[in-house]
Amino acid sequence: MKIAFYGSSLVSAYWNGAATYYRGLLRALAEKGYDITFYEPDVYDRQKNRDIDPPEWCKVVVYEGTVGALKKATEEAAGADVVVKASGVGFEDDFLLEKLLRKARPESLKIFWDVDAPATLAEVRGAPDHPLRRALGDIDMVLTYGGGDPVVDAYRSIGAQECIPIYNALDPKTHHPVSAEPRFTADLGFLGNRLPDREARVEEFFLNPASRLSDQTFLLGGSGWQDKPMSQNVTYIGHVSTRDHNAFNVTPKAVLNISRASMAENGFSPATRVFEAAGAGACLITDYWEGIELFLKPDEEVLVARDGPDVADILAGLSQERAKEIGQRALQRVLAEHTYAHRAETVDLLFRRHAEKLEAAE
């Protein structure tokens, strides 16, 4: 079965948080025998900042960020059994969706895969004539990487035929325990780009606790924070390549996950960071969001903070021994229940169910 997947980028995680999700899930589907081609536009300097080469398990087609190149790339959708348009591709998203729905064969499975459902739904709700709302009648299935029942209900209310969450997970081949590296030594590490709906929460959950705990050290990674005021016990190291994420996770006593505001409000939206950290055996402190217990058990496999003072209290009372125990329990849990192989089982069943319906209708 051939999949044509149109997304932001598979080969570059530069300003592209969905890269880990795409890589883990598509690799797992390829291992099930799917023939996958990933189409991505050359925009936002992502191709200048590749962190992996095109993998052997997926063909990667990079097209120029022009309308002409986009049109040419969509022509190839006609040869696919499954055509996927992801959210946030980054170049002419609405036009890309329109062209793909025209080029895909009538019998192909047409999917809108939303990697930021809260943002997408907020945009659609405010625009009754939004292109996605108009297109939902021609889309067979909406898949999302989180959101639970609130997102499913919201998508159905605007016309989606079917909406199913396919949650983030762990790819054990890329995220796993490694040796600690001195350059990442700290009591608490946080890795995340500076984004408008995350910045205030980073202040609350990371920078404010750092200013309160002058005897502890804090490590900040990610793009865009260079001019952000921070206390002297915070070390800012800028963009951290995905090849260094394992070491970044295992070296500090604990690492912090801070959801974007929209994700925290919707709940049931574990970030890739949650599984990256757990997969490395790191002790994870996360902000609270509804549904976390579906993925990790609070106080045993993850530590949960509802605000900045909670983070400070947790960190002040956290020993190295307990941190290691929590990290090991988290690793065991995600390996048992939350790998991309588990997620691919769900996706494979959905794809095959569609194929069986077509056969039954013939």
Protein backbone atom coordinates (compact mmCIF):
# COMPACT_ATOMS: atom_id res chain seq x y z
CA MET A 1 0.00 0.00 0.00
CA LYS A 2 1.44 3.36 -1.06
CA ILE A 3 1.26 6.44 1.16
CA ALA A 4 1.84 9.98 -0.13
CA PHE A 5 2.44 12.12 2.95
CA TYR A 6 2.63 15.92 2.62
CA GLY A 7 4.08 17.52 5.76
CA SER A 8 6.41 20.18 7.10
CA SER A 9 9.66 18.19 7.14
CA LEU A 10 10.90 14.69 7.83
CA VAL A 11 14.62 15.44 7.53
CA SER A 12 14.76 18.62 9.60
CA ALA A 13 13.54 19.32 13.13
CA TYR A 14 14.50 23.00 12.77
CA TRP A 15 11.43 24.98 13.95
CA ASN A 16 9.54 21.77 13.28
CA GLY A 17 8.40 19.98 16.41
CA ALA A 18 6.44 17.41 14.42
CA ALA A 19 9.61 15.83 12.98
CA THR A 20 9.98 13.29 15.80
CA TYR A 21 6.34 12.25 15.44
CA TYR A 22 6.60 11.85 11.67
CA ARG A 23 9.82 9.86 11.90
CA GLY A 24 8.67 7.45 14.57
CA LEU A 25 5.25 6.76 13.13
CA LEU A 26 6.26 6.51 9.47
CA ARG A 27 9.20 4.26 10.27
CA ALA A 28 6.85 1.94 12.17
CA LEU A 29 4.41 1.92 9.25
CA ALA A 30 7.25 1.21 6.81
CA GLU A 31 8.21 -1.79 8.93
CA LYS A 32 4.67 -3.05 8.36
CA GLY A 33 5.26 -2.98 4.61
CA TYR A 34 3.91 0.43 3.60
CA ASP A 35 5.64 2.20 0.70
CA ILE A 36 5.91 5.81 1.90
CA THR A 37 6.91 9.03 0.13
CA PHE A 38 7.16 12.20 2.21
CA TYR A 39 6.76 15.53 0.38
CA GLU A 40 8.10 18.67 2.07
CA PRO A 41 8.62 22.27 0.90
CA ASP A 42 12.01 23.98 1.03
CA VAL A 43 11.02 26.80 3.42
CA TYR A 44 12.14 28.31 6.74
CA ASP A 45 15.77 27.23 6.19
CA ARG A 46 14.86 23.69 7.19
CA GLN A 47 16.90 22.11 4.41
CA LYS A 48 19.95 24.12 5.55
CA ASN A 49 19.48 22.67 9.02
CA ARG A 50 18.86 18.99 8.34
CA ASP A 51 19.55 16.72 11.28
CA ILE A 52 19.06 13.42 9.44
CA ASP A 53 19.65 12.19 5.91
CA PRO A 54 16.69 10.84 3.95
CA PRO A 55 16.03 7.43 5.54
CA GLU A 56 16.02 4.13 3.72
CA TRP A 57 12.49 3.39 4.95
CA CYS A 58 10.89 6.45 3.33
CA LYS A 59 11.48 8.34 0.10
CA VAL A 60 11.75 12.10 0.67
CA VAL A 61 10.80 14.59 -2.04
CA VAL A 62 11.78 18.20 -1.35
CA TYR A 63 10.05 20.74 -3.55
CA GLU A 64 10.71 24.46 -3.90
CA GLY A 65 8.51 26.87 -2.01
CA THR A 66 6.69 27.98 -5.15
CA VAL A 67 3.17 27.40 -6.40
CA GLY A 68 4.49 25.72 -9.53
CA ALA A 69 6.59 23.25 -7.57
CA LEU A 70 3.70 22.56 -5.21
CA LYS A 71 1.42 21.74 -8.14
CA LYS A 72 4.00 19.35 -9.56
CA ALA A 73 4.39 17.60 -6.19
CA THR A 74 0.64 17.08 -5.87
CA GLU A 75 0.49 15.31 -9.24
CA GLU A 76 2.11 12.29 -7.59
CA ALA A 77 -0.80 11.88 -5.18
CA ALA A 78 -2.68 10.15 -7.99
CA GLY A 79 -0.47 7.09 -7.59
CA ALA A 80 -1.06 6.63 -3.87
CA ASP A 81 -3.53 4.45 -2.00
CA VAL A 82 -3.40 6.78 1.03
CA VAL A 83 -2.99 10.54 0.63
CA VAL A 84 -2.15 12.52 3.77
CA LYS A 85 -2.13 16.29 4.12
CA ALA A 86 -0.69 17.29 7.49
CA SER A 87 -1.41 20.56 9.22
CA GLY A 88 1.28 23.22 9.36
CA VAL A 89 3.17 22.26 6.19
CA GLY A 90 4.32 25.86 6.03
CA PHE A 91 3.69 26.83 2.41
CA GLU A 92 0.26 27.47 0.88
CA ASP A 93 -1.44 24.96 3.17
CA ASP A 94 -4.98 25.65 2.01
CA PHE A 95 -4.03 25.48 -1.67
CA LEU A 96 -2.08 22.27 -1.04
CA LEU A 97 -5.14 20.62 0.53
CA GLU A 98 -7.34 21.71 -2.35
CA LYS A 99 -4.94 20.34 -4.96
CA LEU A 100 -4.45 17.03 -3.17
CA LEU A 101 -8.17 16.39 -2.91
CA ARG A 102 -8.45 16.99 -6.65
CA LYS A 103 -5.48 14.81 -7.61
CA ALA A 104 -6.14 11.85 -5.32
CA ARG A 105 -8.01 8.95 -6.88
CA PRO A 106 -11.67 8.62 -5.79
CA GLU A 107 -10.94 5.27 -4.11
CA SER A 108 -7.85 6.43 -2.22
CA LEU A 109 -8.03 7.11 1.50
CA LYS A 110 -7.82 10.86 2.02
CA ILE A 111 -6.60 12.01 5.44
CA PHE A 112 -6.06 15.34 7.13
CA TRP A 113 -3.49 14.70 9.87
CA ASP A 114 -3.55 17.48 12.43
CA VAL A 115 -0.40 17.87 14.50
CA ASP A 116 -1.73 20.99 16.26
CA ALA A 117 -5.46 20.44 16.60
CA PRO A 118 -6.15 23.16 19.21
CA ALA A 119 -4.64 25.84 16.95
CA THR A 120 -6.37 24.49 13.85
CA LEU A 121 -9.77 24.32 15.50
CA ALA A 122 -9.45 27.82 16.94
CA GLU A 123 -8.73 29.11 13.45
CA VAL A 124 -11.61 27.22 11.85
CA ARG A 125 -14.14 28.22 14.51
CA GLY A 126 -13.42 31.88 13.80
CA ALA A 127 -13.93 31.46 10.04
CA PRO A 128 -17.23 29.87 8.92
CA ASP A 129 -15.94 29.75 5.34
CA HIS A 130 -12.53 28.29 6.25
CA PRO A 131 -11.07 26.07 3.46
CA LEU A 132 -10.62 23.13 5.83
CA ARG A 133 -14.24 23.29 6.98
CA ARG A 134 -15.35 23.26 3.35
CA ALA A 135 -13.05 20.33 2.56
CA LEU A 136 -14.06 18.04 5.42
CA GLY A 137 -16.85 16.48 3.41
CA ASP A 138 -14.26 15.17 0.92
CA ILE A 139 -11.83 13.99 3.60
CA ASP A 140 -12.35 10.40 4.75
CA MET A 141 -10.64 10.73 8.09
CA VAL A 142 -9.05 13.28 10.42
CA LEU A 143 -6.21 11.96 12.53
CA THR A 144 -4.69 14.04 15.32
CA TYR A 145 -1.65 13.60 17.50
CA GLY A 146 -3.61 14.42 20.60
CA GLY A 147 -6.63 16.11 22.07
CA GLY A 148 -8.86 13.26 23.21
CA ASP A 149 -12.64 13.59 23.24
CA PRO A 150 -12.67 17.43 23.22
CA VAL A 151 -10.85 17.50 19.88
CA VAL A 152 -12.83 14.57 18.45
CA ASP A 153 -16.13 16.23 19.36
CA ALA A 154 -14.97 19.58 17.98
CA TYR A 155 -13.96 18.09 14.64
CA ARG A 156 -17.21 16.20 14.30
CA SER A 157 -19.16 19.37 15.06
CA ILE A 158 -17.60 21.12 12.06
CA GLY A 159 -18.20 18.27 9.64
CA ALA A 160 -15.46 15.64 10.01
CA GLN A 161 -16.68 12.18 9.00
CA GLU A 162 -14.29 10.53 11.43
CA CYS A 163 -11.69 11.85 13.89
CA ILE A 164 -9.26 9.62 15.76
CA PRO A 165 -6.31 10.63 17.97
CA ILE A 166 -2.99 8.95 17.19
CA TYR A 167 -0.90 10.07 20.14
CA ASN A 168 2.77 10.87 20.27
CA ALA A 169 4.94 7.98 21.35
CA LEU A 170 8.48 6.66 21.69
CA ASP A 171 10.78 5.49 18.93
CA PRO A 172 13.27 3.35 20.91
CA LYS A 173 15.70 3.40 17.99
CA THR A 174 16.23 7.14 18.31
CA HIS A 175 15.39 7.93 21.94
CA HIS A 176 17.01 5.68 24.52
CA PRO A 177 19.35 5.80 27.54
CA VAL A 178 22.89 7.06 26.86
CA SER A 179 25.81 8.19 29.00
CA ALA A 180 25.60 11.59 30.66
CA GLU A 181 27.53 14.48 29.10
CA PRO A 182 29.11 17.15 31.35
CA ARG A 183 28.01 20.01 29.06
CA PHE A 184 24.38 19.24 29.97
CA THR A 185 24.90 19.04 33.73
CA ALA A 186 22.15 20.78 35.70
CA ASP A 187 19.51 20.19 38.32
CA LEU A 188 16.73 20.94 35.84
CA GLY A 189 16.79 21.10 32.06
CA PHE A 190 14.16 22.45 29.68
CA LEU A 191 14.24 22.17 25.89
CA GLY A 192 11.78 24.11 23.76
CA ASN A 193 11.66 26.87 21.18
CA ARG A 194 10.34 30.30 22.12
CA LEU A 195 6.74 30.43 20.91
CA PRO A 196 4.04 33.02 21.67
CA ASP A 197 1.65 30.63 23.44
CA ARG A 198 4.44 28.95 25.43
CA GLU A 199 6.57 31.89 26.63
CA ALA A 200 4.44 32.90 29.61
CA ARG A 201 4.32 29.29 30.77
CA VAL A 202 8.11 28.98 30.46
CA GLU A 203 8.41 32.03 32.71
CA GLU A 204 6.01 30.46 35.21
CA PHE A 205 7.30 26.89 35.24
CA PHE A 206 11.02 27.35 34.53
CA LEU A 207 12.42 30.86 34.86
CA ASN A 208 10.55 31.80 38.03
CA PRO A 209 11.57 28.60 39.90
CA ALA A 210 15.15 29.24 38.78
CA SER A 211 15.07 32.69 40.34
CA ARG A 212 13.77 31.19 43.60
CA LEU A 213 16.33 28.36 43.80
CA SER A 214 19.62 30.19 43.59
CA ASP A 215 21.51 27.16 44.90
CA GLN A 216 20.40 24.99 41.96
CA THR A 217 21.42 25.07 38.30
CA PHE A 218 19.11 25.29 35.29
CA LEU A 219 19.76 24.51 31.63
CA LEU A 220 17.71 26.07 28.82
CA GLY A 221 17.87 24.77 25.24
CA GLY A 222 15.93 25.81 22.17
CA SER A 223 15.81 28.66 19.68
CA GLY A 224 14.80 32.26 20.32
CA TRP A 225 15.63 32.76 24.01
CA GLN A 226 18.88 34.71 23.61
CA ASP A 227 17.41 38.08 24.67
CA LYS A 228 15.14 36.71 27.40
CA PRO A 229 16.00 37.97 30.91
CA MET A 230 16.97 35.08 33.19
CA SER A 231 18.73 34.58 36.50
CA GLN A 232 22.45 33.83 36.68
CA ASN A 233 21.90 30.17 37.55
CA VAL A 234 20.30 29.57 34.12
CA THR A 235 22.62 28.52 31.31
CA TYR A 236 21.23 29.10 27.82
CA ILE A 237 22.73 26.88 25.12
CA GLY A 238 20.54 27.67 22.10
CA HIS A 239 19.34 25.11 19.55
CA VAL A 240 20.04 21.52 20.54
CA SER A 241 20.31 19.06 17.66
CA THR A 242 18.10 15.99 17.86
CA ARG A 243 21.24 13.86 17.97
CA ASP A 244 21.94 15.38 21.40
CA HIS A 245 18.46 15.05 22.87
CA ASN A 246 19.17 11.78 24.66
CA ALA A 247 22.19 13.22 26.45
CA PHE A 248 20.28 16.41 27.24
CA ASN A 249 17.53 14.33 28.85
CA VAL A 250 19.63 11.94 30.92
CA THR A 251 22.29 14.32 32.25
CA PRO A 252 20.30 16.77 34.45
CA LYS A 253 18.74 15.48 37.64
CA ALA A 254 15.35 16.13 36.03
CA VAL A 255 13.97 17.58 32.82
CA LEU A 256 10.86 19.70 32.41
CA ASN A 257 7.98 19.47 29.95
CA ILE A 258 5.95 22.65 29.45
CA SER A 259 2.91 22.35 27.22
CA ARG A 260 1.86 25.18 25.00
CA ALA A 261 -1.16 26.97 26.47
CA SER A 262 -3.61 25.57 23.92
CA MET A 263 -2.40 22.01 24.46
CA ALA A 264 -2.63 22.30 28.24
CA GLU A 265 -6.17 23.70 28.03
CA ASN A 266 -7.40 20.89 25.76
CA GLY A 267 -5.60 18.13 27.64
CA PHE A 268 -4.86 14.63 26.35
CA SER A 269 -1.94 16.07 24.37
CA PRO A 270 1.38 14.57 25.46
CA ALA A 271 4.20 16.32 23.63
CA THR A 272 6.95 14.39 21.88
CA ARG A 273 9.21 15.65 24.67
CA VAL A 274 7.32 13.51 27.18
CA PHE A 275 8.18 10.30 25.36
CA GLU A 276 11.68 11.41 24.38
CA ALA A 277 12.50 11.99 28.04
CA ALA A 278 10.83 8.80 29.26
CA GLY A 279 12.54 6.80 26.54
CA ALA A 280 15.92 8.02 27.71
CA GLY A 281 15.10 7.06 31.29
CA ALA A 282 14.98 10.68 32.44
CA CYS A 283 13.08 11.92 35.46
CA LEU A 284 10.37 14.11 33.97
CA ILE A 285 8.56 16.98 35.65
CA THR A 286 5.57 18.11 33.59
CA ASP A 287 2.99 20.84 33.88
CA TYR A 288 -0.47 19.47 34.63
CA TRP A 289 -2.84 18.60 31.80
CA GLU A 290 -5.92 16.43 31.81
CA GLY A 291 -5.29 12.84 30.76
CA ILE A 292 -1.66 12.49 31.77
CA GLU A 293 -2.45 9.35 33.77
CA LEU A 294 -3.29 7.57 30.49
CA PHE A 295 0.39 7.73 29.60
CA LEU A 296 2.43 7.93 32.82
CA LYS A 297 1.45 7.46 36.48
CA PRO A 298 1.89 10.66 38.52
CA ASP A 299 4.35 10.47 41.44
CA GLU A 300 5.67 7.11 40.25
CA GLU A 301 6.54 7.52 36.56
CA VAL A 302 6.29 11.30 36.24
CA LEU A 303 6.17 14.30 38.57
CA VAL A 304 3.37 16.79 37.97
CA ALA A 305 3.46 20.52 38.75
CA ARG A 306 0.46 22.83 38.58
CA ASP A 307 2.50 26.05 38.77
CA GLY A 308 5.98 27.47 39.27
CA PRO A 309 6.05 27.08 43.07
CA ASP A 310 5.19 23.40 42.56
CA VAL A 311 8.22 23.01 40.29
CA ALA A 312 10.45 24.68 42.88
CA ASP A 313 9.10 22.49 45.69
CA ILE A 314 9.47 19.30 43.67
CA LEU A 315 13.02 20.13 42.65
CA ALA A 316 14.09 21.19 46.14
CA GLY A 317 12.96 17.85 47.59
CA LEU A 318 14.08 15.60 44.73
CA SER A 319 17.07 13.34 45.40
CA GLN A 320 19.22 11.84 42.66
CA GLU A 321 18.14 8.37 43.79
CA ARG A 322 14.41 9.08 43.49
CA ALA A 323 14.94 10.84 40.18
CA LYS A 324 16.63 7.73 38.77
CA GLU A 325 13.84 5.47 40.05
CA ILE A 326 11.16 7.61 38.42
CA GLY A 327 13.07 7.68 35.15
CA GLN A 328 13.43 3.90 35.08
CA ARG A 329 9.72 3.35 35.78
CA ALA A 330 8.82 5.78 33.00
CA LEU A 331 11.11 3.96 30.56
CA GLN A 332 9.52 0.61 31.37
CA ARG A 333 6.00 2.03 30.94
CA VAL A 334 6.54 3.65 27.55
CA LEU A 335 8.37 0.63 26.17
CA ALA A 336 5.46 -1.59 27.22
CA GLU A 337 2.59 0.61 26.01
CA HIS A 338 3.61 3.74 24.15
CA THR A 339 5.98 3.10 21.27
CA TYR A 340 5.32 4.09 17.67
CA ALA A 341 4.97 0.39 16.92
CA HIS A 342 1.89 0.46 19.17
CA ARG A 343 0.55 3.54 17.36
CA ALA A 344 1.24 2.00 13.95
CA GLU A 345 -0.94 -0.97 14.87
CA THR A 346 -3.88 1.42 15.26
CA VAL A 347 -3.14 3.27 12.02
CA ASP A 348 -2.68 0.03 10.10
CA LEU A 349 -6.09 -1.19 11.25
CA LEU A 350 -7.70 2.07 10.13
CA PHE A 351 -6.10 1.87 6.69
CA ARG A 352 -7.03 -1.77 6.22
CA ARG A 353 -10.58 -1.15 7.37
CA HIS A 354 -10.94 1.42 4.61
CA ALA A 355 -9.56 -1.02 2.02
CA GLU A 356 -11.99 -3.71 3.20
CA LYS A 357 -14.93 -1.33 2.83
CA LEU A 358 -13.92 -0.62 -0.75
CA GLU A 359 -13.66 -4.33 -1.53
CA ALA A 360 -17.05 -4.99 0.03
CA ALA A 361 -18.62 -2.23 -2.05
CA GLU A 362 -17.34 -3.62 -5.35
